C-alpha atoms as a PDB file:
ATOM      1  CA  UNK A   1     115.237  90.545 126.255  1.00  0.00           C
ATOM      2  CA  UNK A   2     111.352  89.876 125.557  1.00  0.00           C
ATOM      3  CA  UNK A   3     109.226  92.109 123.802  1.00  0.00           C
ATOM      4  CA  UNK A   4     105.392  92.277 122.242  1.00  0.00           C
ATOM      5  CA  UNK A   5     104.385  93.992 118.792  1.00  0.00           C
ATOM      6  CA  UNK A   6     100.989  94.146 118.239  1.00  0.00           C
ATOM      7  CA  UNK A   7      99.664  93.067 115.442  1.00  0.00           C
ATOM      8  CA  UNK A   8      95.811  92.630 113.688  1.00  0.00           C
ATOM      9  CA  UNK A   9      95.428  89.032 114.448  1.00  0.00           C
ATOM     10  CA  UNK A  10      97.371  89.226 118.109  1.00  0.00           C
ATOM     11  CA  UNK A  11     100.784  90.325 119.511  1.00  0.00           C
ATOM     12  CA  UNK A  12     103.729  88.643 117.769  1.00  0.00           C
ATOM     13  CA  UNK A  13     106.453  87.811 120.701  1.00  0.00           C
ATOM     14  CA  UNK A  14     109.737  88.277 120.743  1.00  0.00           C
ATOM     15  CA  UNK A  15     113.207  87.635 122.249  1.00  0.00           C
ATOM     16  CA  UNK A  16     115.461  90.013 121.265  1.00  0.00           C
ATOM     17  CA  UNK A  17     119.555  90.951 122.936  1.00  0.00           C
ATOM     18  CA  UNK A  18     119.058  93.253 125.517  1.00  0.00           C
ATOM     19  CA  UNK A  19     121.686  95.518 124.136  1.00  0.00           C
ATOM     20  CA  UNK A  20     120.230  95.437 120.966  1.00  0.00           C
ATOM     21  CA  UNK A  21     116.383  96.071 122.376  1.00  0.00           C
ATOM     22  CA  UNK A  22     117.590  99.657 123.773  1.00  0.00           C
ATOM     23  CA  UNK A  23     118.074 100.975 120.055  1.00  0.00           C
ATOM     24  CA  UNK A  24     115.210 101.506 118.963  1.00  0.00           C
ATOM     25  CA  UNK A  25     114.980 102.213 115.372  1.00  0.00           C
ATOM     26  CA  UNK A  26     113.275 105.918 115.641  1.00  0.00           C
ATOM     27  CA  UNK A  27     115.827 107.906 114.043  1.00  0.00           C
ATOM     28  CA  UNK A  28     116.529 109.357 110.664  1.00  0.00           C
ATOM     29  CA  UNK A  29     117.260 106.953 108.077  1.00  0.00           C
ATOM     30  CA  UNK A  30     120.841 107.351 108.232  1.00  0.00           C
ATOM     31  CA  UNK A  31     121.220 105.931 111.482  1.00  0.00           C
ATOM     32  CA  UNK A  32     122.878 102.750 112.170  1.00  0.00           C
ATOM     33  CA  UNK A  33     123.486 100.794 114.868  1.00  0.00           C
ATOM     34  CA  UNK A  34     127.033 100.014 116.572  1.00  0.00           C
ATOM     35  CA  UNK A  35     125.266  96.230 117.537  1.00  0.00           C
ATOM     36  CA  UNK A  36     124.309  93.692 114.467  1.00  0.00           C
ATOM     37  CA  UNK A  37     122.197  94.799 112.500  1.00  0.00           C
ATOM     38  CA  UNK A  38     120.241  91.637 112.452  1.00  0.00           C
ATOM     39  CA  UNK A  39     120.024  92.211 116.202  1.00  0.00           C
ATOM     40  CA  UNK A  40     117.640  95.495 115.364  1.00  0.00           C
ATOM     41  CA  UNK A  41     114.042  95.584 115.928  1.00  0.00           C
ATOM     42  CA  UNK A  42     113.859  97.224 112.438  1.00  0.00           C
ATOM     43  CA  UNK A  43     110.578  99.391 111.779  1.00  0.00           C
ATOM     44  CA  UNK A  44     110.156  98.236 108.815  1.00  0.00           C
ATOM     45  CA  UNK A  45     110.349  94.710 109.814  1.00  0.00           C
ATOM     46  CA  UNK A  46     107.233  95.107 111.761  1.00  0.00           C
ATOM     47  CA  UNK A  47     105.596  97.404 108.810  1.00  0.00           C
ATOM     48  CA  UNK A  48     106.096  94.564 106.972  1.00  0.00           C
ATOM     49  CA  UNK A  49     104.775  91.810 109.688  1.00  0.00           C
ATOM     50  CA  UNK A  50     101.874  94.084 110.230  1.00  0.00           C
ATOM     51  CA  UNK A  51     100.648  94.168 106.187  1.00  0.00           C
ATOM     52  CA  UNK A  52     101.310  90.166 106.141  1.00  0.00           C
ATOM     53  CA  UNK A  53      99.516  89.762 109.224  1.00  0.00           C
ATOM     54  CA  UNK A  54      95.950  89.114 108.239  1.00  0.00           C
ATOM     55  CA  UNK A  55      97.024  88.196 104.583  1.00  0.00           C
ATOM     56  CA  UNK A  56      95.584  84.175 103.837  1.00  0.00           C
ATOM     57  CA  UNK A  57      98.870  81.899 102.724  1.00  0.00           C
ATOM     58  CA  UNK A  58      98.212  78.542 103.560  1.00  0.00           C
ATOM     59  CA  UNK A  59      99.721  76.444 100.977  1.00  0.00           C
ATOM     60  CA  UNK A  60     101.814  79.328  99.999  1.00  0.00           C
ATOM     61  CA  UNK A  61     106.196  79.180 100.336  1.00  0.00           C
ATOM     62  CA  UNK A  62     108.128  82.301 100.765  1.00  0.00           C
ATOM     63  CA  UNK A  63     111.542  83.309 101.902  1.00  0.00           C
ATOM     64  CA  UNK A  64     112.667  85.950 103.800  1.00  0.00           C
ATOM     65  CA  UNK A  65     115.973  87.698 103.217  1.00  0.00           C
ATOM     66  CA  UNK A  66     117.870  89.270 105.644  1.00  0.00           C
ATOM     67  CA  UNK A  67     115.507  88.260 107.818  1.00  0.00           C
ATOM     68  CA  UNK A  68     117.801  89.377 110.998  1.00  0.00           C
ATOM     69  CA  UNK A  69     114.785  89.378 114.124  1.00  0.00           C
ATOM     70  CA  UNK A  70     112.304  87.763 110.885  1.00  0.00           C
ATOM     71  CA  UNK A  71     109.001  89.255 112.291  1.00  0.00           C
ATOM     72  CA  UNK A  72     107.789  89.054 108.654  1.00  0.00           C
ATOM     73  CA  UNK A  73     108.918  85.551 108.845  1.00  0.00           C
ATOM     74  CA  UNK A  74     107.006  84.801 111.949  1.00  0.00           C
ATOM     75  CA  UNK A  75     103.550  86.905 110.728  1.00  0.00           C
ATOM     76  CA  UNK A  76     103.769  84.894 107.254  1.00  0.00           C
ATOM     77  CA  UNK A  77     103.832  81.437 109.139  1.00  0.00           C
ATOM     78  CA  UNK A  78     100.701  82.849 111.690  1.00  0.00           C
ATOM     79  CA  UNK A  79      98.910  83.064 108.196  1.00  0.00           C
ATOM     80  CA  UNK A  80     100.173  79.445 107.318  1.00  0.00           C
ATOM     81  CA  UNK A  81     102.573  80.374 104.723  1.00  0.00           C
ATOM     82  CA  UNK A  82     105.565  77.552 104.999  1.00  0.00           C
ATOM     83  CA  UNK A  83     108.368  80.178 105.361  1.00  0.00           C
ATOM     84  CA  UNK A  84     111.917  79.456 105.211  1.00  0.00           C
ATOM     85  CA  UNK A  85     114.185  82.147 107.024  1.00  0.00           C
ATOM     86  CA  UNK A  86     117.856  83.506 105.764  1.00  0.00           C
ATOM     87  CA  UNK A  87     120.484  85.818 106.899  1.00  0.00           C
ATOM     88  CA  UNK A  88     124.131  85.786 107.035  1.00  0.00           C
ATOM     89  CA  UNK A  89     124.580  85.441 110.495  1.00  0.00           C
ATOM     90  CA  UNK A  90     124.172  81.948 112.552  1.00  0.00           C
ATOM     91  CA  UNK A  91     123.036  83.966 115.573  1.00  0.00           C
ATOM     92  CA  UNK A  92     120.700  85.649 114.159  1.00  0.00           C
ATOM     93  CA  UNK A  93     119.133  82.038 112.672  1.00  0.00           C
ATOM     94  CA  UNK A  94     119.552  80.641 116.404  1.00  0.00           C
ATOM     95  CA  UNK A  95     117.013  83.368 117.867  1.00  0.00           C
ATOM     96  CA  UNK A  96     114.482  83.137 114.494  1.00  0.00           C
ATOM     97  CA  UNK A  97     114.308  79.511 115.331  1.00  0.00           C
ATOM     98  CA  UNK A  98     113.234  80.242 119.337  1.00  0.00           C
ATOM     99  CA  UNK A  99     110.900  82.997 118.413  1.00  0.00           C
ATOM    100  CA  UNK A 100     109.138  81.117 115.962  1.00  0.00           C
ATOM    101  CA  UNK A 101     108.452  78.314 118.980  1.00  0.00           C
ATOM    102  CA  UNK A 102     107.793  81.277 121.380  1.00  0.00           C
ATOM    103  CA  UNK A 103     105.159  81.997 118.792  1.00  0.00           C
ATOM    104  CA  UNK A 104     103.475  78.294 118.012  1.00  0.00           C
ATOM    105  CA  UNK A 105     105.101  78.659 114.792  1.00  0.00           C
ATOM    106  CA  UNK A 106     107.505  76.667 112.516  1.00  0.00           C
ATOM    107  CA  UNK A 107     110.034  78.111 110.345  1.00  0.00           C
ATOM    108  CA  UNK A 108     113.224  76.679 108.369  1.00  0.00           C
ATOM    109  CA  UNK A 109     116.052  78.682 108.437  1.00  0.00           C
ATOM    110  CA  UNK A 110     119.361  78.694 106.195  1.00  0.00           C
ATOM    111  CA  UNK A 111     122.985  81.090 106.009  1.00  0.00           C
ATOM    112  CA  UNK A 112     123.343  82.826 103.159  1.00  0.00           C
ATOM    113  CA  UNK A 113     125.219  84.991 101.140  1.00  0.00           C
ATOM    114  CA  UNK A 114     123.213  86.651  98.640  1.00  0.00           C
ATOM    115  CA  UNK A 115     126.488  86.439  96.513  1.00  0.00           C
ATOM    116  CA  UNK A 116     126.193  82.498  96.789  1.00  0.00           C
ATOM    117  CA  UNK A 117     122.518  81.918  97.122  1.00  0.00           C
ATOM    118  CA  UNK A 118     123.173  78.218  95.631  1.00  0.00           C
ATOM    119  CA  UNK A 119     121.104  76.441  98.417  1.00  0.00           C
ATOM    120  CA  UNK A 120     118.593  79.179  98.159  1.00  0.00           C
ATOM    121  CA  UNK A 121     118.403  78.116  94.536  1.00  0.00           C
ATOM    122  CA  UNK A 122     118.009  74.657  94.340  1.00  0.00           C
ATOM    123  CA  UNK A 123     115.003  75.698  96.841  1.00  0.00           C
ATOM    124  CA  UNK A 124     113.127  77.785  94.402  1.00  0.00           C
ATOM    125  CA  UNK A 125     110.643  78.705  93.103  1.00  0.00           C
ATOM    126  CA  UNK A 126     108.664  80.115  96.406  1.00  0.00           C
ATOM    127  CA  UNK A 127     105.749  82.299  95.635  1.00  0.00           C
ATOM    128  CA  UNK A 128     107.054  84.910  97.662  1.00  0.00           C
ATOM    129  CA  UNK A 129     110.247  87.092  98.822  1.00  0.00           C
ATOM    130  CA  UNK A 130     110.515  88.657 101.514  1.00  0.00           C
ATOM    131  CA  UNK A 131     112.429  91.744 102.465  1.00  0.00           C
ATOM    132  CA  UNK A 132     113.157  94.176 105.684  1.00  0.00           C
ATOM    133  CA  UNK A 133     115.371  96.988 105.323  1.00  0.00           C
ATOM    134  CA  UNK A 134     117.789  95.326 103.192  1.00  0.00           C
ATOM    135  CA  UNK A 135     119.276  97.990 101.132  1.00  0.00           C
ATOM    136  CA  UNK A 136     121.527  99.714 103.647  1.00  0.00           C
ATOM    137  CA  UNK A 137     124.152 100.101 100.648  1.00  0.00           C
ATOM    138  CA  UNK A 138     123.956 100.331  97.256  1.00  0.00           C
ATOM    139  CA  UNK A 139     126.748  97.458  96.728  1.00  0.00           C
ATOM    140  CA  UNK A 140     123.454  94.873  97.649  1.00  0.00           C
ATOM    141  CA  UNK A 141     121.159  96.301  94.554  1.00  0.00           C
ATOM    142  CA  UNK A 142     122.792  94.573  91.689  1.00  0.00           C
ATOM    143  CA  UNK A 143     122.808  91.210  93.466  1.00  0.00           C
ATOM    144  CA  UNK A 144     119.381  91.552  94.605  1.00  0.00           C
ATOM    145  CA  UNK A 145     117.918  92.840  91.394  1.00  0.00           C
ATOM    146  CA  UNK A 146     119.537  89.598  90.171  1.00  0.00           C
ATOM    147  CA  UNK A 147     118.510  86.796  92.714  1.00  0.00           C
ATOM    148  CA  UNK A 148     114.606  88.145  93.148  1.00  0.00           C
ATOM    149  CA  UNK A 149     113.146  86.819  89.688  1.00  0.00           C
ATOM    150  CA  UNK A 150     115.165  83.001  89.993  1.00  0.00           C
ATOM    151  CA  UNK A 151     113.558  83.336  93.445  1.00  0.00           C
ATOM    152  CA  UNK A 152     109.733  84.042  92.916  1.00  0.00           C
ATOM    153  CA  UNK A 153     107.332  86.200  90.959  1.00  0.00           C
ATOM    154  CA  UNK A 154     106.386  88.410  93.914  1.00  0.00           C
ATOM    155  CA  UNK A 155     108.159  90.538  95.995  1.00  0.00           C
ATOM    156  CA  UNK A 156     107.370  92.389  99.511  1.00  0.00           C
ATOM    157  CA  UNK A 157     109.706  94.758  99.957  1.00  0.00           C
ATOM    158  CA  UNK A 158     109.969  97.053 103.046  1.00  0.00           C
ATOM    159  CA  UNK A 159     112.001 100.016 103.049  1.00  0.00           C
ATOM    160  CA  UNK A 160     112.319 103.226 105.055  1.00  0.00           C
ATOM    161  CA  UNK A 161     113.711 105.289 102.363  1.00  0.00           C
ATOM    162  CA  UNK A 162     117.515 104.212 102.003  1.00  0.00           C
ATOM    163  CA  UNK A 163     119.050 105.613  98.759  1.00  0.00           C
ATOM    164  CA  UNK A 164     119.891 102.513  97.591  1.00  0.00           C
ATOM    165  CA  UNK A 165     115.440 101.414  97.464  1.00  0.00           C
ATOM    166  CA  UNK A 166     115.120 104.056  94.340  1.00  0.00           C
ATOM    167  CA  UNK A 167     118.338 102.691  92.742  1.00  0.00           C
ATOM    168  CA  UNK A 168     116.686  98.801  93.073  1.00  0.00           C
ATOM    169  CA  UNK A 169     113.565 100.191  92.130  1.00  0.00           C
ATOM    170  CA  UNK A 170     114.922 102.391  88.951  1.00  0.00           C
ATOM    171  CA  UNK A 171     116.621  98.680  87.858  1.00  0.00           C
ATOM    172  CA  UNK A 172     113.392  96.376  88.223  1.00  0.00           C
ATOM    173  CA  UNK A 173     111.220  98.943  85.951  1.00  0.00           C
ATOM    174  CA  UNK A 174     110.484  97.096  83.043  1.00  0.00           C
ATOM    175  CA  UNK A 175     110.479  93.471  84.822  1.00  0.00           C
ATOM    176  CA  UNK A 176     108.412  94.085  87.542  1.00  0.00           C
ATOM    177  CA  UNK A 177     105.223  95.858  88.008  1.00  0.00           C
ATOM    178  CA  UNK A 178     105.391  97.943  91.464  1.00  0.00           C
ATOM    179  CA  UNK A 179     102.508  99.066  94.197  1.00  0.00           C
ATOM    180  CA  UNK A 180     103.813 100.785  96.755  1.00  0.00           C
ATOM    181  CA  UNK A 181     102.150 101.699 100.445  1.00  0.00           C
ATOM    182  CA  UNK A 182     103.502 103.908 102.688  1.00  0.00           C
ATOM    183  CA  UNK A 183     103.301 102.590 106.389  1.00  0.00           C
ATOM    184  CA  UNK A 184     104.826 105.790 108.114  1.00  0.00           C
ATOM    185  CA  UNK A 185     108.377 106.340 106.791  1.00  0.00           C
ATOM    186  CA  UNK A 186     108.422 102.750 105.823  1.00  0.00           C
ATOM    187  CA  UNK A 187     107.098 102.356 101.926  1.00  0.00           C
ATOM    188  CA  UNK A 188     106.426  98.741 101.279  1.00  0.00           C
ATOM    189  CA  UNK A 189     106.721  98.050  97.826  1.00  0.00           C
ATOM    190  CA  UNK A 190     104.852  94.707  95.958  1.00  0.00           C
ATOM    191  CA  UNK A 191     107.044  93.642  93.219  1.00  0.00           C
ATOM    192  CA  UNK A 192     105.203  91.143  90.591  1.00  0.00           C
ATOM    193  CA  UNK A 193     107.126  89.879  87.444  1.00  0.00           C
ATOM    194  CA  UNK A 194     105.652  91.126  84.130  1.00  0.00           C
END
């Protein structure tokens, strides 16, 4: 199914599995779809894309963790960044490549398990890490806290207030400065290494 997302620089076109397109992310934070998480158009991804769309990123290298439909990846690529979209699911990455072409941008993709980030670390350092709504479970916090400083000195993390995000921010204290903006129910945390 084809969707259009309004961004400041113009609409972003997106292909999405039909069954997932019928599951809007408009419920409470505890809402979780039956469909694969990667296939849902998460409001955190849209909010992060809106934040990125309009930022000059030419010459910067970025990586999106747990990209799903990769809306932030495509927005960053439209801003001139060289972007690597990563996800644990090959099906997600196949659709990311199609969506990048649909929007006239080039992105690289890589299958990634945060617990085995070897290939990703070989490509580091990046200038910017992007992540939208990746903290469903507290078990994700420790691997992410370990991985982020090895990837980049700047992280943009969008989250609708899931409990694990508070734990990540607590663990980041003292190692990262954190600036938070609120876009509806989504918080966009900009972390910079101290």
